Amino acid sequence: GPLSERRLMDVRLGELPMWLATRDFSPQGLLGAVQKAWSSYHDKYINVKRGGPAGISMLLAGYCLLSYGWSYQHIKCHRWRKYH
């Protein structure tokens, strides 16, 4: 199909700049992309008939990694301090 209708995983590396140029980077377009991503994540991992703890554990693991990344600079400086 047309390049603008393809998903990111279906785009080849050489087509990536042209695909990015077709995206909508306005605040409304970004909000729509986030809502679509959340909806597909929710449908795939959380809203299933026989679901397990995988969806919620992935969400918690992502939160842990994100919070560690935000506080990494503080942790790195704290690690080099000496206590005596």
PDB file of N, CA and C in Angstrom:
ATOM      1  N   GLY A   1       0.815  -1.184   0.000  1.00  0.00           N
ATOM      2  CA  GLY A   1       0.000   0.000   0.000  1.00  0.00           C
ATOM      3  C   GLY A   1       0.859   1.247   0.000  1.00  0.00           C
ATOM      4  N   PRO A   2       0.200   2.390   0.071  1.00  0.00           N
ATOM      5  CA  PRO A   2       0.944   3.649   0.104  1.00  0.00           C
ATOM      6  C   PRO A   2       1.822   3.749   1.345  1.00  0.00           C
ATOM      7  N   LEU A   3       2.866   4.499   1.218  1.00  0.00           N
ATOM      8  CA  LEU A   3       3.842   4.613   2.302  1.00  0.00           C
ATOM      9  C   LEU A   3       3.229   5.229   3.553  1.00  0.00           C
ATOM     10  N   SER A   4       2.303   6.158   3.392  1.00  0.00           N
ATOM     11  CA  SER A   4       1.732   6.837   4.556  1.00  0.00           C
ATOM     12  C   SER A   4       0.824   5.923   5.366  1.00  0.00           C
ATOM     13  N   GLU A   5       0.338   4.836   4.805  1.00  0.00           N
ATOM     14  CA  GLU A   5      -0.559   3.925   5.519  1.00  0.00           C
ATOM     15  C   GLU A   5       0.160   2.741   6.143  1.00  0.00           C
ATOM     16  N   ARG A   6       1.456   2.611   5.920  1.00  0.00           N
ATOM     17  CA  ARG A   6       2.210   1.496   6.482  1.00  0.00           C
ATOM     18  C   ARG A   6       2.535   1.741   7.951  1.00  0.00           C
ATOM     19  N   ARG A   7       2.680   0.646   8.679  1.00  0.00           N
ATOM     20  CA  ARG A   7       3.135   0.728  10.065  1.00  0.00           C
ATOM     21  C   ARG A   7       4.645   0.898  10.082  1.00  0.00           C
ATOM     22  N   LEU A   8       5.180   1.318  11.217  1.00  0.00           N
ATOM     23  CA  LEU A   8       6.617   1.553  11.338  1.00  0.00           C
ATOM     24  C   LEU A   8       7.423   0.285  11.084  1.00  0.00           C
ATOM     25  N   MET A   9       6.926  -0.856  11.568  1.00  0.00           N
ATOM     26  CA  MET A   9       7.669  -2.102  11.399  1.00  0.00           C
ATOM     27  C   MET A   9       7.663  -2.598   9.960  1.00  0.00           C
ATOM     28  N   ASP A  10       6.773  -2.057   9.106  1.00  0.00           N
ATOM     29  CA  ASP A  10       6.709  -2.470   7.712  1.00  0.00           C
ATOM     30  C   ASP A  10       7.500  -1.560   6.790  1.00  0.00           C
ATOM     31  N   VAL A  11       8.073  -0.491   7.321  1.00  0.00           N
ATOM     32  CA  VAL A  11       8.816   0.475   6.521  1.00  0.00           C
ATOM     33  C   VAL A  11      10.275   0.051   6.465  1.00  0.00           C
ATOM     34  N   ARG A  12      10.858   0.099   5.279  1.00  0.00           N
ATOM     35  CA  ARG A  12      12.279  -0.223   5.132  1.00  0.00           C
ATOM     36  C   ARG A  12      13.127   0.962   5.592  1.00  0.00           C
ATOM     37  N   LEU A  13      14.388   0.683   5.862  1.00  0.00           N
ATOM     38  CA  LEU A  13      15.266   1.709   6.415  1.00  0.00           C
ATOM     39  C   LEU A  13      15.448   2.878   5.445  1.00  0.00           C
ATOM     40  N   GLY A  14      15.536   2.602   4.164  1.00  0.00           N
ATOM     41  CA  GLY A  14      15.690   3.669   3.173  1.00  0.00           C
ATOM     42  C   GLY A  14      14.449   4.531   3.025  1.00  0.00           C
ATOM     43  N   GLU A  15      13.284   3.974   3.341  1.00  0.00           N
ATOM     44  CA  GLU A  15      12.030   4.706   3.229  1.00  0.00           C
ATOM     45  C   GLU A  15      11.687   5.475   4.501  1.00  0.00           C
ATOM     46  N   LEU A  16      12.464   5.306   5.559  1.00  0.00           N
ATOM     47  CA  LEU A  16      12.147   5.899   6.853  1.00  0.00           C
ATOM     48  C   LEU A  16      12.041   7.423   6.827  1.00  0.00           C
ATOM     49  N   PRO A  17      12.971   8.170   6.208  1.00  0.00           N
ATOM     50  CA  PRO A  17      12.807   9.632   6.198  1.00  0.00           C
ATOM     51  C   PRO A  17      11.535  10.083   5.484  1.00  0.00           C
ATOM     52  N   MET A  18      11.198   9.429   4.369  1.00  0.00           N
ATOM     53  CA  MET A  18       9.981   9.802   3.657  1.00  0.00           C
ATOM     54  C   MET A  18       8.739   9.427   4.479  1.00  0.00           C
ATOM     55  N   TRP A  19       8.789   8.304   5.184  1.00  0.00           N
ATOM     56  CA  TRP A  19       7.663   7.892   6.024  1.00  0.00           C
ATOM     57  C   TRP A  19       7.473   8.882   7.172  1.00  0.00           C
ATOM     58  N   LEU A  20       8.588   9.330   7.778  1.00  0.00           N
ATOM     59  CA  LEU A  20       8.500  10.305   8.866  1.00  0.00           C
ATOM     60  C   LEU A  20       7.934  11.638   8.380  1.00  0.00           C
ATOM     61  N   ALA A  21       8.217  11.986   7.117  1.00  0.00           N
ATOM     62  CA  ALA A  21       7.702  13.243   6.573  1.00  0.00           C
ATOM     63  C   ALA A  21       6.193  13.195   6.394  1.00  0.00           C
ATOM     64  N   THR A  22       5.621  11.998   6.259  1.00  0.00           N
ATOM     65  CA  THR A  22       4.173  11.886   6.087  1.00  0.00           C
ATOM     66  C   THR A  22       3.431  11.858   7.421  1.00  0.00           C
ATOM     67  N   ARG A  23       4.134  11.773   8.533  1.00  0.00           N
ATOM     68  CA  ARG A  23       3.483  11.708   9.849  1.00  0.00           C
ATOM     69  C   ARG A  23       2.984  13.085  10.270  1.00  0.00           C
ATOM     70  N   ASP A  24       1.993  13.106  11.118  1.00  0.00           N
ATOM     71  CA  ASP A  24       1.415  14.335  11.655  1.00  0.00           C
ATOM     72  C   ASP A  24       2.024  14.590  13.030  1.00  0.00           C
ATOM     73  N   PHE A  25       2.874  15.608  13.144  1.00  0.00           N
ATOM     74  CA  PHE A  25       3.559  15.902  14.398  1.00  0.00           C
ATOM     75  C   PHE A  25       2.914  17.060  15.157  1.00  0.00           C
ATOM     76  N   SER A  26       1.679  17.382  14.824  1.00  0.00           N
ATOM     77  CA  SER A  26       0.964  18.397  15.592  1.00  0.00           C
ATOM     78  C   SER A  26       0.571  17.792  16.939  1.00  0.00           C
ATOM     79  N   PRO A  27       0.244  18.623  17.927  1.00  0.00           N
ATOM     80  CA  PRO A  27      -0.156  18.062  19.228  1.00  0.00           C
ATOM     81  C   PRO A  27      -1.349  17.117  19.122  1.00  0.00           C
ATOM     82  N   GLN A  28      -2.299  17.434  18.261  1.00  0.00           N
ATOM     83  CA  GLN A  28      -3.460  16.563  18.091  1.00  0.00           C
ATOM     84  C   GLN A  28      -3.065  15.245  17.425  1.00  0.00           C
ATOM     85  N   GLY A  29      -2.142  15.301  16.458  1.00  0.00           N
ATOM     86  CA  GLY A  29      -1.677  14.086  15.808  1.00  0.00           C
ATOM     87  C   GLY A  29      -0.882  13.202  16.749  1.00  0.00           C
ATOM     88  N   LEU A  30      -0.042  13.812  17.598  1.00  0.00           N
ATOM     89  CA  LEU A  30       0.729  13.040  18.573  1.00  0.00           C
ATOM     90  C   LEU A  30      -0.179  12.414  19.627  1.00  0.00           C
ATOM     91  N   LEU A  31      -1.192  13.161  20.048  1.00  0.00           N
ATOM     92  CA  LEU A  31      -2.144  12.616  21.014  1.00  0.00           C
ATOM     93  C   LEU A  31      -2.905  11.435  20.413  1.00  0.00           C
ATOM     94  N   GLY A  32      -3.285  11.549  19.151  1.00  0.00           N
ATOM     95  CA  GLY A  32      -3.961  10.446  18.477  1.00  0.00           C
ATOM     96  C   GLY A  32      -3.071   9.223  18.368  1.00  0.00           C
ATOM     97  N   ALA A  33      -1.772   9.432  18.099  1.00  0.00           N
ATOM     98  CA  ALA A  33      -0.836   8.309  18.004  1.00  0.00           C
ATOM     99  C   ALA A  33      -0.664   7.624  19.353  1.00  0.00           C
ATOM    100  N   VAL A  34      -0.600   8.405  20.424  1.00  0.00           N
ATOM    101  CA  VAL A  34      -0.464   7.830  21.763  1.00  0.00           C
ATOM    102  C   VAL A  34      -1.725   7.046  22.128  1.00  0.00           C
ATOM    103  N   GLN A  35      -2.890   7.596  21.803  1.00  0.00           N
ATOM    104  CA  GLN A  35      -4.141   6.892  22.092  1.00  0.00           C
ATOM    105  C   GLN A  35      -4.243   5.589  21.307  1.00  0.00           C
ATOM    106  N   LYS A  36      -3.816   5.606  20.055  1.00  0.00           N
ATOM    107  CA  LYS A  36      -3.854   4.398  19.233  1.00  0.00           C
ATOM    108  C   LYS A  36      -2.883   3.350  19.772  1.00  0.00           C
ATOM    109  N   ALA A  37      -1.682   3.784  20.188  1.00  0.00           N
ATOM    110  CA  ALA A  37      -0.703   2.847  20.746  1.00  0.00           C
ATOM    111  C   ALA A  37      -1.213   2.244  22.050  1.00  0.00           C
ATOM    112  N   TRP A  38      -1.806   3.076  22.929  1.00  0.00           N
ATOM    113  CA  TRP A  38      -2.335   2.563  24.187  1.00  0.00           C
ATOM    114  C   TRP A  38      -3.483   1.589  23.931  1.00  0.00           C
ATOM    115  N   SER A  39      -4.334   1.912  22.983  1.00  0.00           N
ATOM    116  CA  SER A  39      -5.466   1.043  22.675  1.00  0.00           C
ATOM    117  C   SER A  39      -4.996  -0.312  22.154  1.00  0.00           C
ATOM    118  N   SER A  40      -3.995  -0.304  21.277  1.00  0.00           N
ATOM    119  CA  SER A  40      -3.504  -1.584  20.753  1.00  0.00           C
ATOM    120  C   SER A  40      -2.777  -2.379  21.840  1.00  0.00           C
ATOM    121  N   TYR A  41      -2.032  -1.712  22.717  1.00  0.00           N
ATOM    122  CA  TYR A  41      -1.379  -2.395  23.835  1.00  0.00           C
ATOM    123  C   TYR A  41      -2.419  -2.995  24.765  1.00  0.00           C
ATOM    124  N   HIS A  42      -3.449  -2.220  25.070  1.00  0.00           N
ATOM    125  CA  HIS A  42      -4.490  -2.685  25.977  1.00  0.00           C
ATOM    126  C   HIS A  42      -5.232  -3.878  25.384  1.00  0.00           C
ATOM    127  N   ASP A  43      -5.549  -3.821  24.097  1.00  0.00           N
ATOM    128  CA  ASP A  43      -6.257  -4.929  23.455  1.00  0.00           C
ATOM    129  C   ASP A  43      -5.396  -6.182  23.359  1.00  0.00           C
ATOM    130  N   LYS A  44      -4.091  -5.997  23.186  1.00  0.00           N
ATOM    131  CA  LYS A  44      -3.216  -7.162  23.001  1.00  0.00           C
ATOM    132  C   LYS A  44      -2.843  -7.832  24.314  1.00  0.00           C
ATOM    133  N   TYR A  45      -2.575  -7.064  25.357  1.00  0.00           N
ATOM    134  CA  TYR A  45      -2.025  -7.645  26.580  1.00  0.00           C
ATOM    135  C   TYR A  45      -2.966  -7.619  27.785  1.00  0.00           C
ATOM    136  N   ILE A  46      -3.889  -6.695  27.861  1.00  0.00           N
ATOM    137  CA  ILE A  46      -4.692  -6.552  29.074  1.00  0.00           C
ATOM    138  C   ILE A  46      -6.132  -7.012  28.859  1.00  0.00           C
ATOM    139  N   ASN A  47      -6.749  -6.613  27.783  1.00  0.00           N
ATOM    140  CA  ASN A  47      -8.153  -6.914  27.541  1.00  0.00           C
ATOM    141  C   ASN A  47      -8.279  -8.213  26.722  1.00  0.00           C
ATOM    142  N   VAL A  48      -7.882  -9.325  27.301  1.00  0.00           N
ATOM    143  CA  VAL A  48      -7.961 -10.618  26.628  1.00  0.00           C
ATOM    144  C   VAL A  48      -8.784 -11.570  27.493  1.00  0.00           C
ATOM    145  N   LYS A  49      -9.310 -12.629  26.875  1.00  0.00           N
ATOM    146  CA  LYS A  49     -10.152 -13.569  27.625  1.00  0.00           C
ATOM    147  C   LYS A  49      -9.333 -14.372  28.626  1.00  0.00           C
ATOM    148  N   ARG A  50      -8.207 -14.895  28.191  1.00  0.00           N
ATOM    149  CA  ARG A  50      -7.372 -15.715  29.081  1.00  0.00           C
ATOM    150  C   ARG A  50      -6.025 -15.037  29.287  1.00  0.00           C
ATOM    151  N   GLY A  51      -6.047 -13.892  29.878  1.00  0.00           N
ATOM    152  CA  GLY A  51      -4.823 -13.130  30.075  1.00  0.00           C
ATOM    153  C   GLY A  51      -4.079 -13.548  31.328  1.00  0.00           C
ATOM    154  N   GLY A  52      -2.820 -13.267  31.332  1.00  0.00           N
ATOM    155  CA  GLY A  52      -1.997 -13.521  32.498  1.00  0.00           C
ATOM    156  C   GLY A  52      -1.433 -12.213  33.013  1.00  0.00           C
ATOM    157  N   PRO A  53      -0.445 -12.306  33.842  1.00  0.00           N
ATOM    158  CA  PRO A  53       0.140 -11.091  34.408  1.00  0.00           C
ATOM    159  C   PRO A  53       1.142 -10.403  33.482  1.00  0.00           C
ATOM    160  N   ALA A  54       1.281 -10.873  32.244  1.00  0.00           N
ATOM    161  CA  ALA A  54       2.315 -10.336  31.359  1.00  0.00           C
ATOM    162  C   ALA A  54       2.094  -8.866  31.034  1.00  0.00           C
ATOM    163  N   GLY A  55       0.875  -8.467  30.713  1.00  0.00           N
ATOM    164  CA  GLY A  55       0.630  -7.084  30.320  1.00  0.00           C
ATOM    165  C   GLY A  55       0.917  -6.098  31.424  1.00  0.00           C
ATOM    166  N   ILE A  56       0.436  -6.387  32.605  1.00  0.00           N
ATOM    167  CA  ILE A  56       0.644  -5.471  33.729  1.00  0.00           C
ATOM    168  C   ILE A  56       2.101  -5.495  34.178  1.00  0.00           C
ATOM    169  N   SER A  57       2.747  -6.670  34.127  1.00  0.00           N
ATOM    170  CA  SER A  57       4.155  -6.722  34.526  1.00  0.00           C
ATOM    171  C   SER A  57       5.029  -5.973  33.525  1.00  0.00           C
ATOM    172  N   MET A  58       4.674  -5.997  32.237  1.00  0.00           N
ATOM    173  CA  MET A  58       5.421  -5.207  31.257  1.00  0.00           C
ATOM    174  C   MET A  58       5.259  -3.721  31.542  1.00  0.00           C
ATOM    175  N   LEU A  59       4.066  -3.315  31.908  1.00  0.00           N
ATOM    176  CA  LEU A  59       3.813  -1.916  32.230  1.00  0.00           C
ATOM    177  C   LEU A  59       4.613  -1.485  33.459  1.00  0.00           C
ATOM    178  N   LEU A  60       4.643  -2.325  34.491  1.00  0.00           N
ATOM    179  CA  LEU A  60       5.409  -2.010  35.698  1.00  0.00           C
ATOM    180  C   LEU A  60       6.913  -2.003  35.427  1.00  0.00           C
ATOM    181  N   ALA A  61       7.377  -2.945  34.603  1.00  0.00           N
ATOM    182  CA  ALA A  61       8.811  -2.963  34.263  1.00  0.00           C
ATOM    183  C   ALA A  61       9.191  -1.706  33.484  1.00  0.00           C
ATOM    184  N   GLY A  62       8.336  -1.276  32.584  1.00  0.00           N
ATOM    185  CA  GLY A  62       8.596  -0.040  31.845  1.00  0.00           C
ATOM    186  C   GLY A  62       8.638   1.156  32.764  1.00  0.00           C
ATOM    187  N   TYR A  63       7.724   1.200  33.741  1.00  0.00           N
ATOM    188  CA  TYR A  63       7.730   2.295  34.713  1.00  0.00           C
ATOM    189  C   TYR A  63       9.011   2.286  35.546  1.00  0.00           C
ATOM    190  N   CYS A  64       9.470   1.108  35.955  1.00  0.00           N
ATOM    191  CA  CYS A  64      10.701   1.009  36.743  1.00  0.00           C
ATOM    192  C   CYS A  64      11.904   1.496  35.942  1.00  0.00           C
ATOM    193  N   LEU A  65      11.982   1.083  34.678  1.00  0.00           N
ATOM    194  CA  LEU A  65      13.098   1.526  33.831  1.00  0.00           C
ATOM    195  C   LEU A  65      13.044   3.037  33.602  1.00  0.00           C
ATOM    196  N   LEU A  66      11.860   3.562  33.381  1.00  0.00           N
ATOM    197  CA  LEU A  66      11.725   4.986  33.153  1.00  0.00           C
ATOM    198  C   LEU A  66      12.096   5.789  34.397  1.00  0.00           C
ATOM    199  N   SER A  67      11.648   5.362  35.564  1.00  0.00           N
ATOM    200  CA  SER A  67      11.984   6.094  36.778  1.00  0.00           C
ATOM    201  C   SER A  67      13.470   5.975  37.113  1.00  0.00           C
ATOM    202  N   TYR A  68      14.080   4.822  36.816  1.00  0.00           N
ATOM    203  CA  TYR A  68      15.520   4.685  37.025  1.00  0.00           C
ATOM    204  C   TYR A  68      16.280   5.616  36.086  1.00  0.00           C
ATOM    205  N   GLY A  69      15.815   5.705  34.841  1.00  0.00           N
ATOM    206  CA  GLY A  69      16.466   6.606  33.888  1.00  0.00           C
ATOM    207  C   GLY A  69      16.378   8.054  34.318  1.00  0.00           C
ATOM    208  N   TRP A  70      15.223   8.446  34.904  1.00  0.00           N
ATOM    209  CA  TRP A  70      15.069   9.824  35.358  1.00  0.00           C
ATOM    210  C   TRP A  70      15.981  10.131  36.537  1.00  0.00           C
ATOM    211  N   SER A  71      16.220   9.183  37.421  1.00  0.00           N
ATOM    212  CA  SER A  71      17.020   9.455  38.610  1.00  0.00           C
ATOM    213  C   SER A  71      18.447   8.910  38.490  1.00  0.00           C
ATOM    214  N   TYR A  72      18.886   8.542  37.294  1.00  0.00           N
ATOM    215  CA  TYR A  72      20.205   7.936  37.135  1.00  0.00           C
ATOM    216  C   TYR A  72      21.317   8.902  37.526  1.00  0.00           C
ATOM    217  N   GLN A  73      21.201  10.155  37.143  1.00  0.00           N
ATOM    218  CA  GLN A  73      22.260  11.125  37.439  1.00  0.00           C
ATOM    219  C   GLN A  73      22.439  11.258  38.948  1.00  0.00           C
ATOM    220  N   HIS A  74      21.357  11.290  39.689  1.00  0.00           N
ATOM    221  CA  HIS A  74      21.437  11.386  41.149  1.00  0.00           C
ATOM    222  C   HIS A  74      22.037  10.116  41.742  1.00  0.00           C
ATOM    223  N   ILE A  75      21.650   8.973  41.217  1.00  0.00           N
ATOM    224  CA  ILE A  75      22.173   7.699  41.724  1.00  0.00           C
ATOM    225  C   ILE A  75      23.666   7.595  41.424  1.00  0.00           C
ATOM    226  N   LYS A  76      24.063   8.050  40.227  1.00  0.00           N
ATOM    227  CA  LYS A  76      25.473   7.965  39.844  1.00  0.00           C
ATOM    228  C   LYS A  76      26.338   8.837  40.750  1.00  0.00           C
ATOM    229  N   CYS A  77      25.890  10.047  41.061  1.00  0.00           N
ATOM    230  CA  CYS A  77      26.648  10.926  41.957  1.00  0.00           C
ATOM    231  C   CYS A  77      26.662  10.381  43.374  1.00  0.00           C
ATOM    232  N   HIS A  78      25.572   9.809  43.809  1.00  0.00           N
ATOM    233  CA  HIS A  78      25.471   9.265  45.149  1.00  0.00           C
ATOM    234  C   HIS A  78      26.380   8.050  45.333  1.00  0.00           C
ATOM    235  N   ARG A  79      26.586   7.309  44.266  1.00  0.00           N
ATOM    236  CA  ARG A  79      27.401   6.084  44.338  1.00  0.00           C
ATOM    237  C   ARG A  79      28.862   6.402  44.632  1.00  0.00           C
ATOM    238  N   TRP A  80      29.349   7.557  44.147  1.00  0.00           N
ATOM    239  CA  TRP A  80      30.770   7.865  44.310  1.00  0.00           C
ATOM    240  C   TRP A  80      31.083   8.555  45.639  1.00  0.00           C
ATOM    241  N   ARG A  81      30.090   8.897  46.430  1.00  0.00           N
ATOM    242  CA  ARG A  81      30.347   9.505  47.724  1.00  0.00           C
ATOM    243  C   ARG A  81      30.910   8.474  48.694  1.00  0.00           C
ATOM    244  N   LYS A  82      31.776   8.937  49.560  1.00  0.00           N
ATOM    245  CA  LYS A  82      32.361   8.030  50.557  1.00  0.00           C
ATOM    246  C   LYS A  82      31.781   8.356  51.912  1.00  0.00           C
ATOM    247  N   TYR A  83      31.520   7.329  52.666  1.00  0.00           N
ATOM    248  CA  TYR A  83      30.966   7.507  54.003  1.00  0.00           C
ATOM    249  C   TYR A  83      32.052   7.144  55.016  1.00  0.00           C
ATOM    250  N   HIS A  84      32.685   8.137  55.623  1.00  0.00           N
ATOM    251  CA  HIS A  84      33.586   7.899  56.751  1.00  0.00           C
ATOM    252  C   HIS A  84      33.743   9.107  57.601  1.00  0.00           C
TER     253      HIS A  84
END
